Amino acid sequence: MEIILRQDYEQLGKTGEIVTVKDGFARNYLIPKGIAYVATKNNKKRLENELKMQNWRKEKEKRAAEEMAKKLETVSCTIPVQVGEEDKLFGSVTSQNIADALAALGYEVDKRKILLEEPIKSLGIYSVPIKLHPDVTATVKVWVVKE
């Protein structure tokens, strides 16, 4: 049976490809799960429209991420921490701390999008990348200062 893939499927192919699979696999698994359509003329048009809408949504998300990146490039957040002897931090500054500091400034950023290789363990100024979209990355200045 010929089917059109609605989404990438590792063993079969990419979105929009027409592939031939066994009837039972198509009827019992791929079509009910929404992974594929039967390859008919109407379903080809339907998939084209879905792909256009997907591309439109992706472009809209990318534009929004670019606007947010421009705003975040101008932001620098200060994180006061407790320090001990010789300016050693008690604990460390994590992506959650940075996300909280940005939220206090009015920028909602998910902590998983903050690309902090390892927690910050000393005072100073750091440039922290934030991945807002697969193609858009912003850099925020983080000041770690004594409390």
C-alpha atoms as a PDB file:
ATOM      1  CA  MET A   1       0.000   0.000   0.000  1.00  0.00           C
ATOM      2  CA  GLU A   2       1.292   3.476  -0.829  1.00  0.00           C
ATOM      3  CA  ILE A   3       1.171   6.061   1.920  1.00  0.00           C
ATOM      4  CA  ILE A   4       2.213   9.680   2.398  1.00  0.00           C
ATOM      5  CA  LEU A   5       4.187  10.379   5.570  1.00  0.00           C
ATOM      6  CA  ARG A   6       2.801  13.242   7.678  1.00  0.00           C
ATOM      7  CA  GLN A   7       5.867  13.315   9.897  1.00  0.00           C
ATOM      8  CA  ASP A   8       9.391  11.955   9.888  1.00  0.00           C
ATOM      9  CA  TYR A   9       9.495   8.252  10.658  1.00  0.00           C
ATOM     10  CA  GLU A  10      12.968   6.864  11.199  1.00  0.00           C
ATOM     11  CA  GLN A  11      12.541   3.530   9.402  1.00  0.00           C
ATOM     12  CA  LEU A  12      10.508   4.864   6.463  1.00  0.00           C
ATOM     13  CA  GLY A  13      11.464   8.416   5.521  1.00  0.00           C
ATOM     14  CA  LYS A  14      10.823  12.132   5.854  1.00  0.00           C
ATOM     15  CA  THR A  15       7.641  14.192   5.927  1.00  0.00           C
ATOM     16  CA  GLY A  16       5.831  14.346   2.583  1.00  0.00           C
ATOM     17  CA  GLU A  17       7.498  11.286   1.032  1.00  0.00           C
ATOM     18  CA  ILE A  18       5.385   8.624  -0.631  1.00  0.00           C
ATOM     19  CA  VAL A  19       6.463   5.156   0.492  1.00  0.00           C
ATOM     20  CA  THR A  20       5.193   1.635   0.019  1.00  0.00           C
ATOM     21  CA  VAL A  21       4.517  -0.447   3.118  1.00  0.00           C
ATOM     22  CA  LYS A  22       2.587  -3.593   3.942  1.00  0.00           C
ATOM     23  CA  ASP A  23      -1.180  -3.121   4.169  1.00  0.00           C
ATOM     24  CA  GLY A  24      -1.476  -4.251   7.782  1.00  0.00           C
ATOM     25  CA  PHE A  25       1.298  -1.937   8.981  1.00  0.00           C
ATOM     26  CA  ALA A  26      -0.374   1.026   7.280  1.00  0.00           C
ATOM     27  CA  ARG A  27      -3.940   0.242   8.376  1.00  0.00           C
ATOM     28  CA  ASN A  28      -3.205  -0.909  11.920  1.00  0.00           C
ATOM     29  CA  TYR A  29      -0.383   1.408  12.929  1.00  0.00           C
ATOM     30  CA  LEU A  30       0.621   4.311  10.671  1.00  0.00           C
ATOM     31  CA  ILE A  31      -2.815   5.656   9.729  1.00  0.00           C
ATOM     32  CA  PRO A  32      -4.478   5.366  13.196  1.00  0.00           C
ATOM     33  CA  LYS A  33      -1.445   7.011  14.886  1.00  0.00           C
ATOM     34  CA  GLY A  34      -1.618   9.917  12.422  1.00  0.00           C
ATOM     35  CA  ILE A  35       1.854   9.228  11.032  1.00  0.00           C
ATOM     36  CA  ALA A  36       0.613   8.728   7.463  1.00  0.00           C
ATOM     37  CA  TYR A  37      -2.268   9.094   5.008  1.00  0.00           C
ATOM     38  CA  VAL A  38      -3.279   6.768   2.209  1.00  0.00           C
ATOM     39  CA  ALA A  39      -1.681   8.118  -0.985  1.00  0.00           C
ATOM     40  CA  THR A  40      -4.662   9.644  -2.811  1.00  0.00           C
ATOM     41  CA  LYS A  41      -4.940  12.842  -4.810  1.00  0.00           C
ATOM     42  CA  ASN A  42      -6.945  14.617  -2.093  1.00  0.00           C
ATOM     43  CA  ASN A  43      -4.574  13.539   0.663  1.00  0.00           C
ATOM     44  CA  LYS A  44      -1.605  14.886  -1.321  1.00  0.00           C
ATOM     45  CA  LYS A  45      -3.284  18.302  -1.452  1.00  0.00           C
ATOM     46  CA  ARG A  46      -4.189  18.017   2.223  1.00  0.00           C
ATOM     47  CA  LEU A  47      -0.564  17.310   3.136  1.00  0.00           C
ATOM     48  CA  GLU A  48       0.649  20.256   1.044  1.00  0.00           C
ATOM     49  CA  ASN A  49      -1.677  22.550   2.994  1.00  0.00           C
ATOM     50  CA  GLU A  50      -0.501  21.083   6.307  1.00  0.00           C
ATOM     51  CA  LEU A  51       3.135  21.627   5.312  1.00  0.00           C
ATOM     52  CA  LYS A  52       2.400  25.241   4.328  1.00  0.00           C
ATOM     53  CA  MET A  53       0.775  25.857   7.709  1.00  0.00           C
ATOM     54  CA  GLN A  54       3.694  24.184   9.500  1.00  0.00           C
ATOM     55  CA  ASN A  55       6.201  26.342   7.627  1.00  0.00           C
ATOM     56  CA  TRP A  56       4.163  29.461   8.363  1.00  0.00           C
ATOM     57  CA  ARG A  57       4.069  28.597  12.092  1.00  0.00           C
ATOM     58  CA  LYS A  58       7.807  27.903  12.141  1.00  0.00           C
ATOM     59  CA  GLU A  59       8.554  31.250  10.470  1.00  0.00           C
ATOM     60  CA  LYS A  60       6.293  33.036  12.955  1.00  0.00           C
ATOM     61  CA  GLU A  61       8.065  31.347  15.894  1.00  0.00           C
ATOM     62  CA  LYS A  62      11.452  32.224  14.406  1.00  0.00           C
ATOM     63  CA  ARG A  63      10.500  35.899  13.989  1.00  0.00           C
ATOM     64  CA  ALA A  64       9.264  36.018  17.583  1.00  0.00           C
ATOM     65  CA  ALA A  65      12.512  34.398  18.765  1.00  0.00           C
ATOM     66  CA  GLU A  66      14.577  36.924  16.786  1.00  0.00           C
ATOM     67  CA  GLU A  67      12.676  39.821  18.373  1.00  0.00           C
ATOM     68  CA  MET A  68      13.206  38.318  21.825  1.00  0.00           C
ATOM     69  CA  ALA A  69      16.916  37.816  21.030  1.00  0.00           C
ATOM     70  CA  LYS A  70      17.280  41.514  20.147  1.00  0.00           C
ATOM     71  CA  LYS A  71      15.734  42.456  23.491  1.00  0.00           C
ATOM     72  CA  LEU A  72      17.862  39.975  25.440  1.00  0.00           C
ATOM     73  CA  GLU A  73      21.110  41.165  23.813  1.00  0.00           C
ATOM     74  CA  THR A  74      20.681  44.512  25.596  1.00  0.00           C
ATOM     75  CA  VAL A  75      19.923  42.938  28.989  1.00  0.00           C
ATOM     76  CA  SER A  76      22.407  42.304  31.752  1.00  0.00           C
ATOM     77  CA  CYS A  77      21.224  40.715  34.955  1.00  0.00           C
ATOM     78  CA  THR A  78      22.909  40.890  38.325  1.00  0.00           C
ATOM     79  CA  ILE A  79      22.874  37.898  40.641  1.00  0.00           C
ATOM     80  CA  PRO A  80      23.966  38.628  44.226  1.00  0.00           C
ATOM     81  CA  VAL A  81      25.468  35.612  46.002  1.00  0.00           C
ATOM     82  CA  GLN A  82      26.944  34.876  49.381  1.00  0.00           C
ATOM     83  CA  VAL A  83      30.703  34.478  49.397  1.00  0.00           C
ATOM     84  CA  GLY A  84      33.192  33.181  51.909  1.00  0.00           C
ATOM     85  CA  GLU A  85      36.900  33.666  52.287  1.00  0.00           C
ATOM     86  CA  GLU A  86      38.828  34.749  49.205  1.00  0.00           C
ATOM     87  CA  ASP A  87      35.530  35.491  47.411  1.00  0.00           C
ATOM     88  CA  LYS A  88      34.551  31.837  47.069  1.00  0.00           C
ATOM     89  CA  LEU A  89      30.863  31.250  46.416  1.00  0.00           C
ATOM     90  CA  PHE A  90      28.667  29.221  48.724  1.00  0.00           C
ATOM     91  CA  GLY A  91      27.081  26.935  46.169  1.00  0.00           C
ATOM     92  CA  SER A  92      26.916  28.036  42.532  1.00  0.00           C
ATOM     93  CA  VAL A  93      24.865  30.017  40.032  1.00  0.00           C
ATOM     94  CA  THR A  94      22.766  27.688  37.864  1.00  0.00           C
ATOM     95  CA  SER A  95      20.533  28.167  34.858  1.00  0.00           C
ATOM     96  CA  GLN A  96      17.544  28.310  37.235  1.00  0.00           C
ATOM     97  CA  ASN A  97      19.092  31.315  39.028  1.00  0.00           C
ATOM     98  CA  ILE A  98      19.636  33.056  35.691  1.00  0.00           C
ATOM     99  CA  ALA A  99      16.064  32.274  34.581  1.00  0.00           C
ATOM    100  CA  ASP A 100      14.739  33.724  37.861  1.00  0.00           C
ATOM    101  CA  ALA A 101      16.852  36.884  37.453  1.00  0.00           C
ATOM    102  CA  LEU A 102      15.571  37.343  33.894  1.00  0.00           C
ATOM    103  CA  ALA A 103      11.984  36.783  35.064  1.00  0.00           C
ATOM    104  CA  ALA A 104      12.459  39.545  37.625  1.00  0.00           C
ATOM    105  CA  LEU A 105      13.448  41.828  34.736  1.00  0.00           C
ATOM    106  CA  GLY A 106      10.326  40.806  32.797  1.00  0.00           C
ATOM    107  CA  TYR A 107      11.784  38.221  30.413  1.00  0.00           C
ATOM    108  CA  GLU A 108      10.288  34.743  30.677  1.00  0.00           C
ATOM    109  CA  VAL A 109      12.958  32.241  29.596  1.00  0.00           C
ATOM    110  CA  ASP A 110      12.799  28.503  30.212  1.00  0.00           C
ATOM    111  CA  LYS A 111      15.808  27.311  32.219  1.00  0.00           C
ATOM    112  CA  ARG A 112      16.369  24.453  29.748  1.00  0.00           C
ATOM    113  CA  LYS A 113      17.036  26.991  26.993  1.00  0.00           C
ATOM    114  CA  ILE A 114      19.900  28.565  28.929  1.00  0.00           C
ATOM    115  CA  LEU A 115      23.080  26.935  27.631  1.00  0.00           C
ATOM    116  CA  LEU A 116      25.239  26.969  30.733  1.00  0.00           C
ATOM    117  CA  GLU A 117      27.942  24.322  30.293  1.00  0.00           C
ATOM    118  CA  GLU A 118      28.536  24.074  34.016  1.00  0.00           C
ATOM    119  CA  PRO A 119      27.351  26.117  36.990  1.00  0.00           C
ATOM    120  CA  ILE A 120      29.154  29.402  37.672  1.00  0.00           C
ATOM    121  CA  LYS A 121      31.332  29.079  40.780  1.00  0.00           C
ATOM    122  CA  SER A 122      33.134  32.417  40.990  1.00  0.00           C
ATOM    123  CA  LEU A 123      32.413  36.147  40.946  1.00  0.00           C
ATOM    124  CA  GLY A 124      32.621  38.001  37.652  1.00  0.00           C
ATOM    125  CA  ILE A 125      30.907  38.863  34.393  1.00  0.00           C
ATOM    126  CA  TYR A 126      29.774  36.027  32.150  1.00  0.00           C
ATOM    127  CA  SER A 127      28.235  35.872  28.686  1.00  0.00           C
ATOM    128  CA  VAL A 128      25.576  33.186  28.783  1.00  0.00           C
ATOM    129  CA  PRO A 129      23.999  31.930  25.531  1.00  0.00           C
ATOM    130  CA  ILE A 130      20.255  31.293  25.415  1.00  0.00           C
ATOM    131  CA  LYS A 131      18.853  29.135  22.607  1.00  0.00           C
ATOM    132  CA  LEU A 132      15.447  30.619  21.824  1.00  0.00           C
ATOM    133  CA  HIS A 133      14.904  28.713  18.567  1.00  0.00           C
ATOM    134  CA  PRO A 134      16.961  26.103  16.681  1.00  0.00           C
ATOM    135  CA  ASP A 135      18.323  28.927  14.492  1.00  0.00           C
ATOM    136  CA  VAL A 136      18.306  31.807  17.023  1.00  0.00           C
ATOM    137  CA  THR A 137      20.670  32.180  19.977  1.00  0.00           C
ATOM    138  CA  ALA A 138      20.906  35.254  22.191  1.00  0.00           C
ATOM    139  CA  THR A 139      23.664  36.152  24.626  1.00  0.00           C
ATOM    140  CA  VAL A 140      22.928  37.661  28.035  1.00  0.00           C
ATOM    141  CA  LYS A 141      25.481  39.280  30.320  1.00  0.00           C
ATOM    142  CA  VAL A 142      25.332  37.877  33.827  1.00  0.00           C
ATOM    143  CA  TRP A 143      27.042  39.721  36.666  1.00  0.00           C
ATOM    144  CA  VAL A 144      27.775  37.548  39.677  1.00  0.00           C
ATOM    145  CA  VAL A 145      28.439  39.909  42.605  1.00  0.00           C
ATOM    146  CA  LYS A 146      28.817  39.781  46.400  1.00  0.00           C
ATOM    147  CA  GLU A 147      25.640  40.057  48.408  1.00  0.00           C
END
